[in-house]
């Protein structure tokens, strides 16, 4: 929790990525860029990826993804996964 007792806000950034990209390859490629506050890779499938970060780090995550996958491009930034998964149904996870 943040110092004032409120939860820290999060942002979810959806990217189009190369079809061969995997969650593991994004994690491996992001290590040199995000030592102190690494983003969390939610999902990478079907040429799309979703990464959670703080609002302050959003631009850094976009730059990092350009280094990890030069063909990547940001699609949308949202405060909720629901909105991203509504716009991009291929990112909906199967219920277990």
Protein backbone atom coordinates (compact mmCIF):
# COMPACT_ATOMS: atom_id res chain seq x y z
CA UNK A 1 0.00 0.00 0.00
CA UNK A 2 1.00 3.56 -0.57
CA UNK A 3 2.11 5.70 2.36
CA UNK A 4 -1.26 7.44 2.62
CA UNK A 5 -3.07 4.11 3.10
CA UNK A 6 -4.52 3.98 -0.41
CA UNK A 7 -3.72 1.34 -2.97
CA UNK A 8 -1.22 2.23 -5.66
CA UNK A 9 -2.82 2.73 -9.04
CA UNK A 10 -1.92 0.41 -11.87
CA UNK A 11 -2.08 0.73 -15.61
CA UNK A 12 -2.38 -2.03 -18.15
CA UNK A 13 -0.79 -1.47 -21.54
CA UNK A 14 -1.75 -3.71 -24.44
CA UNK A 15 0.76 -4.13 -27.26
CA UNK A 16 0.79 -5.75 -30.63
CA UNK A 17 3.94 -7.89 -30.74
CA UNK A 18 5.67 -10.27 -33.10
CA UNK A 19 3.87 -13.63 -33.25
CA UNK A 20 6.97 -15.43 -31.95
CA UNK A 21 7.12 -13.33 -28.76
CA UNK A 22 6.42 -15.14 -25.50
CA UNK A 23 5.94 -14.01 -21.93
CA UNK A 24 9.36 -15.49 -21.11
CA UNK A 25 11.12 -13.61 -23.92
CA UNK A 26 9.59 -10.31 -22.77
CA UNK A 27 10.69 -10.97 -19.18
CA UNK A 28 14.21 -11.85 -20.29
CA UNK A 29 14.46 -8.82 -22.59
CA UNK A 30 13.09 -6.40 -19.98
CA UNK A 31 15.65 -7.19 -17.24
CA UNK A 32 18.31 -4.67 -18.38
CA UNK A 33 15.71 -1.86 -18.53
CA UNK A 34 13.69 -2.36 -15.36
CA UNK A 35 15.94 -3.05 -12.40
CA UNK A 36 14.12 -1.11 -9.68
CA UNK A 37 10.41 -1.31 -10.58
CA UNK A 38 9.92 -4.08 -13.13
CA UNK A 39 6.63 -4.24 -15.00
CA UNK A 40 4.52 -7.38 -14.68
CA UNK A 41 3.76 -9.25 -17.89
CA UNK A 42 0.14 -10.36 -17.55
CA UNK A 43 -0.15 -12.23 -20.81
CA UNK A 44 1.45 -12.71 -24.21
CA UNK A 45 -0.48 -14.65 -26.83
CA UNK A 46 -1.64 -14.37 -30.42
CA UNK A 47 0.58 -11.43 -31.32
CA UNK A 48 -0.59 -9.34 -28.36
CA UNK A 49 0.80 -8.70 -24.89
CA UNK A 50 -0.55 -7.02 -21.75
CA UNK A 51 1.82 -5.47 -19.23
CA UNK A 52 0.94 -3.99 -15.83
CA UNK A 53 2.92 -0.99 -14.62
CA UNK A 54 2.57 2.16 -12.58
CA UNK A 55 1.23 5.26 -14.34
CA UNK A 56 4.63 6.90 -13.86
CA UNK A 57 6.42 4.03 -15.67
CA UNK A 58 4.07 3.72 -18.64
CA UNK A 59 6.33 5.59 -21.07
CA UNK A 60 9.35 3.58 -19.90
CA UNK A 61 7.46 0.33 -20.52
CA UNK A 62 6.63 1.44 -24.06
CA UNK A 63 10.31 2.26 -24.70
CA UNK A 64 11.37 -1.05 -23.15
CA UNK A 65 9.00 -2.98 -25.42
CA UNK A 66 10.47 -1.22 -28.48
CA UNK A 67 13.87 -2.58 -27.43
CA UNK A 68 12.59 -6.08 -26.63
CA UNK A 69 10.50 -6.29 -29.83
CA UNK A 70 11.18 -3.50 -32.35
CA UNK A 71 7.97 -4.32 -34.23
CA UNK A 72 5.80 -3.87 -31.12
CA UNK A 73 3.41 -0.98 -30.77
CA UNK A 74 1.12 0.09 -27.93
CA UNK A 75 -2.57 -0.42 -28.63
CA UNK A 76 -4.31 0.95 -25.53
CA UNK A 77 -3.63 1.90 -21.93
CA UNK A 78 -6.32 1.19 -19.38
CA UNK A 79 -6.86 1.09 -15.65
CA UNK A 80 -8.60 -2.28 -15.98
CA UNK A 81 -7.92 -5.57 -17.71
CA UNK A 82 -11.64 -5.88 -18.43
CA UNK A 83 -11.60 -2.98 -20.88
CA UNK A 84 -8.58 -4.37 -22.73
CA UNK A 85 -10.06 -7.85 -22.91
CA UNK A 86 -13.38 -6.44 -24.14
CA UNK A 87 -11.61 -4.62 -26.98
CA UNK A 88 -9.25 -7.54 -27.70
CA UNK A 89 -11.17 -10.78 -27.03
CA UNK A 90 -8.14 -12.88 -27.97
CA UNK A 91 -6.62 -11.75 -24.66
CA UNK A 92 -9.43 -13.26 -22.60
CA UNK A 93 -8.09 -16.06 -20.44
CA UNK A 94 -9.84 -19.39 -20.39
CA UNK A 95 -11.64 -20.09 -17.14
CA UNK A 96 -10.00 -22.94 -15.27
